[in-house]
PDB file of N, CA and C in Angstrom:
ATOM      1  N   MET A   1       0.809  -1.056  -0.046  1.00  0.00           N
ATOM      2  CA  MET A   1       0.066   0.072   0.073  1.00  0.00           C
ATOM      3  C   MET A   1       0.901   1.255  -0.146  1.00  0.00           C
ATOM      4  N   THR A   2       0.679   2.100  -1.045  1.00  0.00           N
ATOM      5  CA  THR A   2       1.443   3.299  -1.085  1.00  0.00           C
ATOM      6  C   THR A   2       0.825   4.437  -0.118  1.00  0.00           C
ATOM      7  N   LYS A   3       1.727   5.457   0.144  1.00  0.00           N
ATOM      8  CA  LYS A   3       1.461   6.449   0.866  1.00  0.00           C
ATOM      9  C   LYS A   3      -0.131   7.167   0.548  1.00  0.00           C
ATOM     10  N   GLN A   4      -0.194   7.266  -0.652  1.00  0.00           N
ATOM     11  CA  GLN A   4      -1.390   8.022  -1.294  1.00  0.00           C
ATOM     12  C   GLN A   4      -2.436   7.126  -0.949  1.00  0.00           C
ATOM     13  N   GLU A   5      -2.335   5.716  -1.016  1.00  0.00           N
ATOM     14  CA  GLU A   5      -3.529   4.746  -0.977  1.00  0.00           C
ATOM     15  C   GLU A   5      -3.798   4.781   0.635  1.00  0.00           C
ATOM     16  N   LEU A   6      -2.847   5.041   1.398  1.00  0.00           N
ATOM     17  CA  LEU A   6      -2.967   4.858   3.035  1.00  0.00           C
ATOM     18  C   LEU A   6      -3.674   6.061   3.504  1.00  0.00           C
ATOM     19  N   TYR A   7      -3.442   7.281   2.858  1.00  0.00           N
ATOM     20  CA  TYR A   7      -3.814   8.499   3.302  1.00  0.00           C
ATOM     21  C   TYR A   7      -5.341   8.652   2.843  1.00  0.00           C
ATOM     22  N   THR A   8      -5.679   8.024   1.664  1.00  0.00           N
ATOM     23  CA  THR A   8      -7.078   7.903   1.010  1.00  0.00           C
ATOM     24  C   THR A   8      -7.965   7.101   1.849  1.00  0.00           C
ATOM     25  N   ALA A   9      -7.356   5.958   2.495  1.00  0.00           N
ATOM     26  CA  ALA A   9      -8.075   5.107   3.381  1.00  0.00           C
ATOM     27  C   ALA A   9      -8.324   5.845   4.445  1.00  0.00           C
ATOM     28  N   ILE A  10      -7.571   6.644   5.068  1.00  0.00           N
ATOM     29  CA  ILE A  10      -7.505   7.276   6.414  1.00  0.00           C
ATOM     30  C   ILE A  10      -8.758   8.302   6.273  1.00  0.00           C
ATOM     31  N   ALA A  11      -8.694   9.083   5.052  1.00  0.00           N
ATOM     32  CA  ALA A  11      -9.545  10.023   4.912  1.00  0.00           C
ATOM     33  C   ALA A  11     -10.950   9.498   4.580  1.00  0.00           C
ATOM     34  N   VAL A  12     -11.304   8.331   4.051  1.00  0.00           N
ATOM     35  CA  VAL A  12     -12.477   7.762   3.876  1.00  0.00           C
ATOM     36  C   VAL A  12     -12.736   7.176   5.400  1.00  0.00           C
ATOM     37  N   ASP A  13     -12.085   6.709   6.184  1.00  0.00           N
ATOM     38  CA  ASP A  13     -12.507   6.222   7.501  1.00  0.00           C
ATOM     39  C   ASP A  13     -12.984   7.548   8.357  1.00  0.00           C
ATOM     40  N   VAL A  14     -12.343   8.517   8.139  1.00  0.00           N
ATOM     41  CA  VAL A  14     -12.678   9.739   8.851  1.00  0.00           C
ATOM     42  C   VAL A  14     -14.005  10.089   8.455  1.00  0.00           C
ATOM     43  N   LEU A  15     -14.214  10.406   7.268  1.00  0.00           N
ATOM     44  CA  LEU A  15     -15.454  10.744   6.671  1.00  0.00           C
ATOM     45  C   LEU A  15     -16.639   9.921   6.973  1.00  0.00           C
ATOM     46  N   ALA A  16     -16.461   8.549   7.205  1.00  0.00           N
ATOM     47  CA  ALA A  16     -17.301   7.438   7.404  1.00  0.00           C
ATOM     48  C   ALA A  16     -17.686   7.658   9.210  1.00  0.00           C
ATOM     49  N   ALA A  17     -16.469   8.133   9.863  1.00  0.00           N
ATOM     50  CA  ALA A  17     -16.759   8.212  11.277  1.00  0.00           C
ATOM     51  C   ALA A  17     -17.746   9.448  11.376  1.00  0.00           C
ATOM     52  N   ILE A  18     -17.510  10.508  10.653  1.00  0.00           N
ATOM     53  CA  ILE A  18     -18.224  11.783  10.915  1.00  0.00           C
ATOM     54  C   ILE A  18     -19.654  11.545  10.497  1.00  0.00           C
ATOM     55  N   ASP A  19     -19.844  10.761   9.337  1.00  0.00           N
ATOM     56  CA  ASP A  19     -21.288  10.296   9.131  1.00  0.00           C
ATOM     57  C   ASP A  19     -21.963   9.387  10.044  1.00  0.00           C
ATOM     58  N   CYS A  20     -21.282   8.679  10.706  1.00  0.00           N
ATOM     59  CA  CYS A  20     -21.732   7.693  11.804  1.00  0.00           C
ATOM     60  C   CYS A  20     -22.240   8.620  12.908  1.00  0.00           C
ATOM     61  N   ALA A  21     -21.275   9.556  13.208  1.00  0.00           N
ATOM     62  CA  ALA A  21     -21.582  10.401  14.549  1.00  0.00           C
ATOM     63  C   ALA A  21     -22.845  11.390  14.171  1.00  0.00           C
ATOM     64  N   ASP A  22     -22.950  11.821  13.011  1.00  0.00           N
ATOM     65  CA  ASP A  22     -24.122  12.586  12.587  1.00  0.00           C
ATOM     66  C   ASP A  22     -25.296  11.726  12.852  1.00  0.00           C
ATOM     67  N   ARG A  23     -25.326  10.436  12.454  1.00  0.00           N
ATOM     68  CA  ARG A  23     -26.326   9.688  12.530  1.00  0.00           C
ATOM     69  C   ARG A  23     -26.674   9.151  14.181  1.00  0.00           C
ATOM     70  N   GLY A  24     -25.766   9.256  15.041  1.00  0.00           N
ATOM     71  CA  GLY A  24     -25.665   8.992  16.220  1.00  0.00           C
ATOM     72  C   GLY A  24     -25.374   7.344  16.298  1.00  0.00           C
ATOM     73  N   GLU A  25     -24.485   6.896  15.412  1.00  0.00           N
ATOM     74  CA  GLU A  25     -24.002   5.654  15.471  1.00  0.00           C
ATOM     75  C   GLU A  25     -22.503   5.557  15.962  1.00  0.00           C
ATOM     76  N   THR A  26     -21.922   4.572  16.334  1.00  0.00           N
ATOM     77  CA  THR A  26     -20.500   4.433  16.767  1.00  0.00           C
ATOM     78  C   THR A  26     -19.560   3.970  15.431  1.00  0.00           C
ATOM     79  N   HIS A  27     -18.418   4.444  15.767  1.00  0.00           N
ATOM     80  CA  HIS A  27     -17.391   4.136  14.696  1.00  0.00           C
ATOM     81  C   HIS A  27     -16.037   4.009  15.507  1.00  0.00           C
ATOM     82  N   TRP A  28     -15.262   3.011  14.934  1.00  0.00           N
ATOM     83  CA  TRP A  28     -14.011   2.872  15.693  1.00  0.00           C
ATOM     84  C   TRP A  28     -13.092   4.065  15.680  1.00  0.00           C
ATOM     85  N   ARG A  29     -13.044   4.915  14.784  1.00  0.00           N
ATOM     86  CA  ARG A  29     -12.247   6.165  14.865  1.00  0.00           C
ATOM     87  C   ARG A  29     -12.812   7.304  15.638  1.00  0.00           C
ATOM     88  N   ILE A  30     -13.906   7.130  16.099  1.00  0.00           N
ATOM     89  CA  ILE A  30     -14.432   8.586  16.759  1.00  0.00           C
ATOM     90  C   ILE A  30     -13.885   8.752  18.121  1.00  0.00           C
ATOM     91  N   ASN A  31     -13.635   7.727  18.842  1.00  0.00           N
ATOM     92  CA  ASN A  31     -12.891   7.870  20.156  1.00  0.00           C
ATOM     93  C   ASN A  31     -11.637   8.426  20.085  1.00  0.00           C
ATOM     94  N   GLY A  32     -10.795   8.049  19.073  1.00  0.00           N
ATOM     95  CA  GLY A  32      -9.564   8.662  18.971  1.00  0.00           C
ATOM     96  C   GLY A  32      -9.624  10.039  18.485  1.00  0.00           C
ATOM     97  N   MET A  33     -10.587  10.442  17.641  1.00  0.00           N
ATOM     98  CA  MET A  33     -10.622  11.751  17.153  1.00  0.00           C
ATOM     99  C   MET A  33     -11.062  12.712  18.112  1.00  0.00           C
ATOM    100  N   MET A  34     -12.076  12.089  18.965  1.00  0.00           N
ATOM    101  CA  MET A  34     -12.701  13.028  20.099  1.00  0.00           C
ATOM    102  C   MET A  34     -11.441  13.150  21.145  1.00  0.00           C
ATOM    103  N   ALA A  35     -10.640  12.200  21.421  1.00  0.00           N
ATOM    104  CA  ALA A  35      -9.635  12.508  22.459  1.00  0.00           C
ATOM    105  C   ALA A  35      -8.645  13.677  21.782  1.00  0.00           C
ATOM    106  N   ARG A  36      -8.182  13.467  20.553  1.00  0.00           N
ATOM    107  CA  ARG A  36      -7.249  14.413  20.173  1.00  0.00           C
ATOM    108  C   ARG A  36      -7.797  15.846  19.921  1.00  0.00           C
ATOM    109  N   THR A  37      -9.100  15.896  19.544  1.00  0.00           N
ATOM    110  CA  THR A  37      -9.583  17.076  19.378  1.00  0.00           C
ATOM    111  C   THR A  37      -9.777  17.832  20.740  1.00  0.00           C
ATOM    112  N   ALA A  38     -10.226  16.963  21.846  1.00  0.00           N
ATOM    113  CA  ALA A  38     -10.251  17.691  23.089  1.00  0.00           C
ATOM    114  C   ALA A  38      -9.046  18.042  23.636  1.00  0.00           C
ATOM    115  N   ALA A  39      -8.035  17.506  23.376  1.00  0.00           N
ATOM    116  CA  ALA A  39      -6.349  17.741  23.866  1.00  0.00           C
ATOM    117  C   ALA A  39      -6.049  18.949  23.015  1.00  0.00           C
ATOM    118  N   TYR A  40      -6.587  19.152  21.731  1.00  0.00           N
ATOM    119  CA  TYR A  40      -6.095  20.413  20.936  1.00  0.00           C
ATOM    120  C   TYR A  40      -6.713  21.541  21.223  1.00  0.00           C
ATOM    121  N   LEU A  41      -8.104  21.345  21.719  1.00  0.00           N
ATOM    122  CA  LEU A  41      -8.621  22.554  22.189  1.00  0.00           C
ATOM    123  C   LEU A  41      -8.294  22.966  23.520  1.00  0.00           C
ATOM    124  N   ALA A  42      -7.992  22.085  24.342  1.00  0.00           N
ATOM    125  CA  ALA A  42      -7.524  22.325  25.787  1.00  0.00           C
ATOM    126  C   ALA A  42      -6.192  23.025  25.731  1.00  0.00           C
ATOM    127  N   SER A  43      -5.380  22.927  24.660  1.00  0.00           N
ATOM    128  CA  SER A  43      -4.122  23.520  24.716  1.00  0.00           C
ATOM    129  C   SER A  43      -4.178  25.024  24.350  1.00  0.00           C
ATOM    130  N   PHE A  44      -5.469  25.532  23.908  1.00  0.00           N
ATOM    131  CA  PHE A  44      -5.548  26.971  23.696  1.00  0.00           C
ATOM    132  C   PHE A  44      -6.214  27.515  24.841  1.00  0.00           C
ATOM    133  N   ASN A  45      -6.854  26.829  25.545  1.00  0.00           N
ATOM    134  CA  ASN A  45      -7.596  27.477  26.789  1.00  0.00           C
ATOM    135  C   ASN A  45      -6.673  28.301  27.629  1.00  0.00           C
ATOM    136  N   PRO A  46      -7.107  29.402  27.886  1.00  0.00           N
ATOM    137  CA  PRO A  46      -5.973  30.250  28.866  1.00  0.00           C
ATOM    138  C   PRO A  46      -6.276  29.555  30.310  1.00  0.00           C
ATOM    139  N   PRO A  47      -5.238  29.931  31.161  1.00  0.00           N
ATOM    140  CA  PRO A  47      -5.430  29.652  32.517  1.00  0.00           C
ATOM    141  C   PRO A  47      -6.307  30.546  33.345  1.00  0.00           C
ATOM    142  N   CYS A  48      -6.907  29.963  34.270  1.00  0.00           N
ATOM    143  CA  CYS A  48      -8.003  30.780  35.037  1.00  0.00           C
ATOM    144  C   CYS A  48      -7.246  32.059  35.608  1.00  0.00           C
ATOM    145  N   PRO A  49      -8.049  33.060  35.415  1.00  0.00           N
ATOM    146  CA  PRO A  49      -7.450  34.368  36.099  1.00  0.00           C
ATOM    147  C   PRO A  49      -7.132  34.216  37.633  1.00  0.00           C
ATOM    148  N   GLU A  50      -6.166  35.032  38.080  1.00  0.00           N
ATOM    149  CA  GLU A  50      -5.865  34.770  39.637  1.00  0.00           C
ATOM    150  C   GLU A  50      -6.956  35.143  40.450  1.00  0.00           C
ATOM    151  N   HIS A  51      -7.617  36.215  40.136  1.00  0.00           N
ATOM    152  CA  HIS A  51      -8.743  36.735  41.059  1.00  0.00           C
ATOM    153  C   HIS A  51     -10.035  35.772  41.078  1.00  0.00           C
ATOM    154  N   LEU A  52     -10.137  34.845  40.077  1.00  0.00           N
ATOM    155  CA  LEU A  52     -11.431  33.930  40.110  1.00  0.00           C
ATOM    156  C   LEU A  52     -11.032  32.735  41.034  1.00  0.00           C
ATOM    157  N   PHE A  53      -9.748  32.580  41.486  1.00  0.00           N
ATOM    158  CA  PHE A  53      -9.490  31.468  42.357  1.00  0.00           C
ATOM    159  C   PHE A  53     -10.085  31.501  43.691  1.00  0.00           C
ATOM    160  N   PRO A  54     -10.525  30.656  44.489  1.00  0.00           N
ATOM    161  CA  PRO A  54     -10.922  30.760  45.846  1.00  0.00           C
ATOM    162  C   PRO A  54      -9.710  31.450  46.674  1.00  0.00           C
ATOM    163  N   LYS A  55      -9.790  31.776  47.717  1.00  0.00           N
ATOM    164  CA  LYS A  55      -8.669  32.559  48.583  1.00  0.00           C
ATOM    165  C   LYS A  55      -7.726  31.497  49.008  1.00  0.00           C
ATOM    166  N   GLU A  56      -8.180  30.254  49.273  1.00  0.00           N
ATOM    167  CA  GLU A  56      -7.246  29.120  49.685  1.00  0.00           C
ATOM    168  C   GLU A  56      -6.344  28.708  48.408  1.00  0.00           C
ATOM    169  N   ARG A  57      -6.663  28.803  47.272  1.00  0.00           N
ATOM    170  CA  ARG A  57      -5.903  28.331  46.210  1.00  0.00           C
ATOM    171  C   ARG A  57      -5.159  29.463  45.445  1.00  0.00           C
ATOM    172  N   GLN A  58      -5.344  30.878  46.008  1.00  0.00           N
ATOM    173  CA  GLN A  58      -4.533  31.896  45.494  1.00  0.00           C
ATOM    174  C   GLN A  58      -3.063  31.906  46.100  1.00  0.00           C
ATOM    175  N   ALA A  59      -2.200  32.454  45.282  1.00  0.00           N
ATOM    176  CA  ALA A  59      -0.853  32.436  45.915  1.00  0.00           C
ATOM    177  C   ALA A  59      -0.874  33.465  46.862  1.00  0.00           C
ATOM    178  N   PHE A  60       0.146  33.309  48.012  1.00  0.00           N
ATOM    179  CA  PHE A  60       0.319  33.999  49.061  1.00  0.00           C
ATOM    180  C   PHE A  60       1.030  35.158  48.760  1.00  0.00           C
ATOM    181  N   SER A  61       0.508  36.520  49.169  1.00  0.00           N
ATOM    182  CA  SER A  61       1.083  37.826  49.043  1.00  0.00           C
ATOM    183  C   SER A  61       0.684  38.697  50.029  1.00  0.00           C
ATOM    184  N   SER A  62       0.911  39.931  49.728  1.00  0.00           N
ATOM    185  CA  SER A  62       0.701  40.890  50.970  1.00  0.00           C
ATOM    186  C   SER A  62      -0.810  41.090  50.892  1.00  0.00           C
ATOM    187  N   THR A  63      -1.388  40.911  49.824  1.00  0.00           N
ATOM    188  CA  THR A  63      -2.998  40.961  49.859  1.00  0.00           C
ATOM    189  C   THR A  63      -3.679  39.841  50.253  1.00  0.00           C
ATOM    190  N   ASN A  64      -2.963  38.643  50.196  1.00  0.00           N
ATOM    191  CA  ASN A  64      -3.510  37.334  50.558  1.00  0.00           C
ATOM    192  C   ASN A  64      -2.536  36.571  51.613  1.00  0.00           C
ATOM    193  N   PRO A  65      -2.316  37.093  52.842  1.00  0.00           N
ATOM    194  CA  PRO A  65      -1.454  36.558  53.803  1.00  0.00           C
ATOM    195  C   PRO A  65      -1.932  35.090  54.133  1.00  0.00           C
ATOM    196  N   LYS A  66      -0.884  34.447  54.623  1.00  0.00           N
ATOM    197  CA  LYS A  66      -1.316  32.934  55.143  1.00  0.00           C
ATOM    198  C   LYS A  66      -1.962  33.127  56.542  1.00  0.00           C
ATOM    199  N   THR A  67      -3.039  32.585  56.568  1.00  0.00           N
ATOM    200  CA  THR A  67      -3.795  32.558  57.955  1.00  0.00           C
ATOM    201  C   THR A  67      -3.333  31.448  58.668  1.00  0.00           C
ATOM    202  N   PRO A  68      -2.969  31.846  59.967  1.00  0.00           N
ATOM    203  CA  PRO A  68      -2.544  30.606  60.853  1.00  0.00           C
ATOM    204  C   PRO A  68      -3.652  29.694  61.241  1.00  0.00           C
ATOM    205  N   THR A  69      -3.367  28.315  61.129  1.00  0.00           N
ATOM    206  CA  THR A  69      -4.416  27.491  61.534  1.00  0.00           C
ATOM    207  C   THR A  69      -4.178  26.920  62.991  1.00  0.00           C
ATOM    208  N   THR A  70      -5.210  26.705  63.830  1.00  0.00           N
ATOM    209  CA  THR A  70      -5.193  26.305  65.056  1.00  0.00           C
ATOM    210  C   THR A  70      -4.784  24.999  65.270  1.00  0.00           C
ATOM    211  N   CYS A  71      -3.801  24.564  66.056  1.00  0.00           N
ATOM    212  CA  CYS A  71      -3.627  23.072  66.216  1.00  0.00           C
ATOM    213  C   CYS A  71      -4.240  22.636  67.277  1.00  0.00           C
ATOM    214  N   ASN A  72      -4.895  21.413  66.817  1.00  0.00           N
ATOM    215  CA  ASN A  72      -5.818  20.695  68.032  1.00  0.00           C
ATOM    216  C   ASN A  72      -5.103  19.583  68.585  1.00  0.00           C
ATOM    217  N   SER A  73      -3.768  19.808  69.140  1.00  0.00           N
ATOM    218  CA  SER A  73      -3.062  18.815  69.940  1.00  0.00           C
ATOM    219  C   SER A  73      -3.504  18.998  71.274  1.00  0.00           C
ATOM    220  N   SER A  74      -3.680  17.628  71.681  1.00  0.00           N
ATOM    221  CA  SER A  74      -3.922  17.553  73.291  1.00  0.00           C
ATOM    222  C   SER A  74      -2.541  17.741  74.118  1.00  0.00           C
ATOM    223  N   SER A  75      -2.817  18.225  75.290  1.00  0.00           N
ATOM    224  CA  SER A  75      -1.623  18.104  76.185  1.00  0.00           C
ATOM    225  C   SER A  75      -1.155  16.846  76.641  1.00  0.00           C
ATOM    226  N   GLN A  76      -1.954  15.936  76.530  1.00  0.00           N
ATOM    227  CA  GLN A  76      -1.691  14.499  76.901  1.00  0.00           C
ATOM    228  C   GLN A  76      -0.784  13.878  75.634  1.00  0.00           C
ATOM    229  N   VAL A  77       0.465  13.480  76.174  1.00  0.00           N
ATOM    230  CA  VAL A  77       1.234  12.566  74.973  1.00  0.00           C
ATOM    231  C   VAL A  77       0.751  11.149  75.096  1.00  0.00           C
ATOM    232  N   LYS A  78       0.502  10.531  73.899  1.00  0.00           N
ATOM    233  CA  LYS A  78      -0.004   9.403  73.658  1.00  0.00           C
ATOM    234  C   LYS A  78       1.163   8.370  73.491  1.00  0.00           C
ATOM    235  N   THR A  79       1.027   7.344  73.846  1.00  0.00           N
ATOM    236  CA  THR A  79       2.215   6.233  74.033  1.00  0.00           C
ATOM    237  C   THR A  79       1.725   5.442  72.766  1.00  0.00           C
ATOM    238  N   VAL A  80       2.687   5.176  71.644  1.00  0.00           N
ATOM    239  CA  VAL A  80       2.360   4.655  70.602  1.00  0.00           C
ATOM    240  C   VAL A  80       3.287   3.325  70.361  1.00  0.00           C
ATOM    241  N   VAL A  81       2.386   2.288  70.144  1.00  0.00           N
ATOM    242  CA  VAL A  81       3.170   0.842  69.720  1.00  0.00           C
ATOM    243  C   VAL A  81       3.771   0.890  68.490  1.00  0.00           C
ATOM    244  N   ARG A  82       5.137   0.764  68.494  1.00  0.00           N
ATOM    245  CA  ARG A  82       5.945   0.773  67.305  1.00  0.00           C
ATOM    246  C   ARG A  82       5.553  -0.273  66.253  1.00  0.00           C
ATOM    247  N   LEU A  83       5.518   0.188  65.050  1.00  0.00           N
ATOM    248  CA  LEU A  83       5.325  -0.624  63.907  1.00  0.00           C
ATOM    249  C   LEU A  83       6.826  -1.119  63.280  1.00  0.00           C
ATOM    250  N   VAL A  84       7.017  -2.392  63.333  1.00  0.00           N
ATOM    251  CA  VAL A  84       8.097  -2.926  62.878  1.00  0.00           C
ATOM    252  C   VAL A  84       8.014  -3.998  61.794  1.00  0.00           C
ATOM    253  N   GLY A  85       8.409  -3.638  60.588  1.00  0.00           N
ATOM    254  CA  GLY A  85       8.151  -4.550  59.369  1.00  0.00           C
ATOM    255  C   GLY A  85       6.609  -4.414  59.157  1.00  0.00           C
ATOM    256  N   ILE A  86       6.148  -5.796  59.288  1.00  0.00           N
ATOM    257  CA  ILE A  86       4.684  -6.032  59.089  1.00  0.00           C
ATOM    258  C   ILE A  86       4.025  -6.213  60.418  1.00  0.00           C
ATOM    259  N   CYS A  87       4.556  -5.978  61.506  1.00  0.00           N
ATOM    260  CA  CYS A  87       3.950  -6.260  62.864  1.00  0.00           C
ATOM    261  C   CYS A  87       4.141  -5.080  63.903  1.00  0.00           C
ATOM    262  N   TRP A  88       3.365  -5.056  64.856  1.00  0.00           N
ATOM    263  CA  TRP A  88       3.552  -4.188  66.008  1.00  0.00           C
ATOM    264  C   TRP A  88       4.329  -4.830  66.965  1.00  0.00           C
ATOM    265  N   GLU A  89       5.131  -3.971  67.568  1.00  0.00           N
ATOM    266  CA  GLU A  89       6.050  -4.481  68.804  1.00  0.00           C
ATOM    267  C   GLU A  89       5.503  -3.634  70.019  1.00  0.00           C
ATOM    268  N   PHE A  90       5.229  -4.384  70.987  1.00  0.00           N
ATOM    269  CA  PHE A  90       4.844  -3.898  72.232  1.00  0.00           C
ATOM    270  C   PHE A  90       6.009  -3.910  73.262  1.00  0.00           C
ATOM    271  N   PRO A  91       5.897  -3.133  74.189  1.00  0.00           N
ATOM    272  CA  PRO A  91       6.906  -2.925  75.296  1.00  0.00           C
ATOM    273  C   PRO A  91       7.411  -4.154  75.824  1.00  0.00           C
ATOM    274  N   ASP A  92       6.454  -5.122  76.033  1.00  0.00           N
ATOM    275  CA  ASP A  92       6.894  -6.373  76.607  1.00  0.00           C
ATOM    276  C   ASP A  92       7.592  -7.245  75.743  1.00  0.00           C
ATOM    277  N   GLY A  93       7.992  -6.981  74.506  1.00  0.00           N
ATOM    278  CA  GLY A  93       8.667  -7.721  73.572  1.00  0.00           C
ATOM    279  C   GLY A  93       7.846  -8.611  72.637  1.00  0.00           C
ATOM    280  N   THR A  94       6.593  -8.351  72.767  1.00  0.00           N
ATOM    281  CA  THR A  94       5.360  -9.306  71.992  1.00  0.00           C
ATOM    282  C   THR A  94       5.228  -8.736  70.640  1.00  0.00           C
ATOM    283  N   ARG A  95       5.185  -9.341  69.618  1.00  0.00           N
ATOM    284  CA  ARG A  95       4.992  -8.711  68.127  1.00  0.00           C
ATOM    285  C   ARG A  95       3.792  -9.393  67.592  1.00  0.00           C
ATOM    286  N   LEU A  96       2.790  -8.681  67.229  1.00  0.00           N
ATOM    287  CA  LEU A  96       1.478  -9.119  66.604  1.00  0.00           C
ATOM    288  C   LEU A  96       1.163  -8.472  65.212  1.00  0.00           C
ATOM    289  N   SER A  97       0.947  -9.355  64.312  1.00  0.00           N
ATOM    290  CA  SER A  97       0.772  -8.840  62.966  1.00  0.00           C
ATOM    291  C   SER A  97      -0.678  -8.725  62.519  1.00  0.00           C
ATOM    292  N   ARG A  98      -1.458  -9.177  63.404  1.00  0.00           N
ATOM    293  CA  ARG A  98      -2.972  -8.923  62.944  1.00  0.00           C
ATOM    294  C   ARG A  98      -3.482  -7.721  63.613  1.00  0.00           C
ATOM    295  N   PHE A  99      -4.010  -6.992  62.855  1.00  0.00           N
ATOM    296  CA  PHE A  99      -4.350  -5.483  63.173  1.00  0.00           C
ATOM    297  C   PHE A  99      -5.422  -5.724  64.474  1.00  0.00           C
ATOM    298  N   LEU A 100      -6.360  -6.371  64.455  1.00  0.00           N
ATOM    299  CA  LEU A 100      -7.338  -6.350  65.392  1.00  0.00           C
ATOM    300  C   LEU A 100      -6.851  -6.872  66.648  1.00  0.00           C
ATOM    301  N   ALA A 101      -6.119  -7.912  66.788  1.00  0.00           N
ATOM    302  CA  ALA A 101      -5.458  -8.320  67.999  1.00  0.00           C
ATOM    303  C   ALA A 101      -4.463  -7.286  68.548  1.00  0.00           C
ATOM    304  N   ALA A 102      -3.712  -6.636  67.673  1.00  0.00           N
ATOM    305  CA  ALA A 102      -2.770  -5.641  68.126  1.00  0.00           C
ATOM    306  C   ALA A 102      -3.446  -4.482  68.669  1.00  0.00           C
ATOM    307  N   ASP A 103      -4.550  -4.116  67.993  1.00  0.00           N
ATOM    308  CA  ASP A 103      -5.398  -2.919  68.338  1.00  0.00           C
ATOM    309  C   ASP A 103      -6.031  -3.167  69.799  1.00  0.00           C
ATOM    310  N   ARG A 104      -6.617  -4.563  70.122  1.00  0.00           N
ATOM    311  CA  ARG A 104      -7.257  -4.663  71.158  1.00  0.00           C
ATOM    312  C   ARG A 104      -6.041  -4.675  72.333  1.00  0.00           C
ATOM    313  N   LYS A 105      -4.904  -5.216  72.043  1.00  0.00           N
ATOM    314  CA  LYS A 105      -3.894  -5.228  73.137  1.00  0.00           C
ATOM    315  C   LYS A 105      -3.476  -3.859  73.466  1.00  0.00           C
ATOM    316  N   ALA A 106      -3.343  -3.033  72.267  1.00  0.00           N
ATOM    317  CA  ALA A 106      -2.972  -1.595  72.622  1.00  0.00           C
ATOM    318  C   ALA A 106      -3.815  -0.824  73.304  1.00  0.00           C
ATOM    319  N   LYS A 107      -5.146  -0.983  73.211  1.00  0.00           N
ATOM    320  CA  LYS A 107      -6.255  -0.322  73.826  1.00  0.00           C
ATOM    321  C   LYS A 107      -6.232  -0.831  75.273  1.00  0.00           C
ATOM    322  N   SER A 108      -6.078  -2.049  75.547  1.00  0.00           N
ATOM    323  CA  SER A 108      -6.008  -2.485  77.000  1.00  0.00           C
ATOM    324  C   SER A 108      -4.844  -1.931  77.699  1.00  0.00           C
ATOM    325  N   LEU A 109      -3.707  -1.640  76.976  1.00  0.00           N
ATOM    326  CA  LEU A 109      -2.477  -1.059  77.768  1.00  0.00           C
ATOM    327  C   LEU A 109      -2.560   0.602  77.664  1.00  0.00           C
ATOM    328  N   GLY A 110      -3.846   1.095  77.178  1.00  0.00           N
ATOM    329  CA  GLY A 110      -3.919   2.482  77.020  1.00  0.00           C
ATOM    330  C   GLY A 110      -2.998   3.040  76.004  1.00  0.00           C
ATOM    331  N   MET A 111      -2.590   2.418  75.009  1.00  0.00           N
ATOM    332  CA  MET A 111      -1.744   2.856  73.939  1.00  0.00           C
ATOM    333  C   MET A 111      -2.552   2.861  72.591  1.00  0.00           C
ATOM    334  N   GLU A 112      -1.828   3.428  71.640  1.00  0.00           N
ATOM    335  CA  GLU A 112      -2.365   3.265  70.226  1.00  0.00           C
ATOM    336  C   GLU A 112      -1.369   2.886  69.307  1.00  0.00           C
ATOM    337  N   LEU A 113      -1.655   2.341  68.121  1.00  0.00           N
ATOM    338  CA  LEU A 113      -0.892   1.808  67.252  1.00  0.00           C
ATOM    339  C   LEU A 113      -0.235   2.846  66.308  1.00  0.00           C
ATOM    340  N   GLU A 114       0.879   2.758  65.916  1.00  0.00           N
ATOM    341  CA  GLU A 114       1.590   3.589  64.939  1.00  0.00           C
ATOM    342  C   GLU A 114       1.038   3.257  63.564  1.00  0.00           C
ATOM    343  N   ARG A 115       0.789   4.419  62.825  1.00  0.00           N
ATOM    344  CA  ARG A 115       0.232   4.260  61.451  1.00  0.00           C
ATOM    345  C   ARG A 115       1.506   3.943  60.582  1.00  0.00           C
ATOM    346  N   ARG A 116       1.069   3.452  59.352  1.00  0.00           N
ATOM    347  CA  ARG A 116       2.126   3.026  58.357  1.00  0.00           C
ATOM    348  C   ARG A 116       2.791   4.097  57.809  1.00  0.00           C
ATOM    349  N   ARG A 117       1.876   5.396  57.713  1.00  0.00           N
ATOM    350  CA  ARG A 117       2.685   6.736  57.077  1.00  0.00           C
ATOM    351  C   ARG A 117       3.444   7.210  58.034  1.00  0.00           C
ATOM    352  N   ASP A 118       3.444   6.992  59.443  1.00  0.00           N
ATOM    353  CA  ASP A 118       4.287   7.596  60.426  1.00  0.00           C
ATOM    354  C   ASP A 118       5.477   6.779  60.639  1.00  0.00           C
ATOM    355  N   TRP A 119       5.969   5.745  59.892  1.00  0.00           N
ATOM    356  CA  TRP A 119       6.834   4.716  60.359  1.00  0.00           C
ATOM    357  C   TRP A 119       8.095   5.467  60.387  1.00  0.00           C
ATOM    358  N   ARG A 120       8.474   6.423  59.561  1.00  0.00           N
ATOM    359  CA  ARG A 120       9.771   6.891  59.454  1.00  0.00           C
ATOM    360  C   ARG A 120      10.003   8.088  60.652  1.00  0.00           C
ATOM    361  N   PHE A 121       8.785   8.641  60.966  1.00  0.00           N
ATOM    362  CA  PHE A 121       8.833   9.789  61.973  1.00  0.00           C
ATOM    363  C   PHE A 121       7.880   9.375  63.123  1.00  0.00           C
ATOM    364  N   SER A 122       8.280   8.609  63.914  1.00  0.00           N
ATOM    365  CA  SER A 122       7.710   8.054  65.120  1.00  0.00           C
ATOM    366  C   SER A 122       7.559   9.105  66.212  1.00  0.00           C
ATOM    367  N   THR A 123       6.570   9.237  66.825  1.00  0.00           N
ATOM    368  CA  THR A 123       6.353  10.267  67.923  1.00  0.00           C
ATOM    369  C   THR A 123       7.108   9.826  69.151  1.00  0.00           C
ATOM    370  N   THR A 124       7.385   8.542  69.284  1.00  0.00           N
ATOM    371  CA  THR A 124       8.100   8.172  70.399  1.00  0.00           C
ATOM    372  C   THR A 124       9.455   8.265  70.594  1.00  0.00           C
ATOM    373  N   GLU A 125       9.972   8.628  69.297  1.00  0.00           N
ATOM    374  CA  GLU A 125      11.689   8.576  69.171  1.00  0.00           C
ATOM    375  C   GLU A 125      12.012   9.922  69.079  1.00  0.00           C
TER     376      GLU A 125
END
C-alpha cells in the first residue's frame, strides 16, 4: 500500500466516522478523534485568572497573607506501639501482625498503634 492509498483510506474512514456520528452511530475512529480534538482545544484554553480562584488556592502575597491554623493537639502525650516491618512491637517484647489483635492489646494497655505513614517519624523517638 502506497502513501497515497494509505492517506485515502484514512480520509475515507474519517468521513465515515463523521457520518456515523451525525446519525448517532458508533465508529472505531470516533473515540481517537474526540480525544485528540479535546486535547487540541484544551491546549488553547487560557489559565484561570488569579482573581477567580478561591482564597485558599490563590498565591500568598501581601493582599493574601497566610492565615495561621489552630493546632488541635492535646496536652496529653500518647504512647504509641511501634510498627516494625509488618507487625507491631509492644513494650513487653511481643509482636502481633494481625491488626485487630494488636489494636485490642494496645487499647488494653492505654496505647495506640503507629500508622504506616508515620513509620519514619515516630512520635516516640
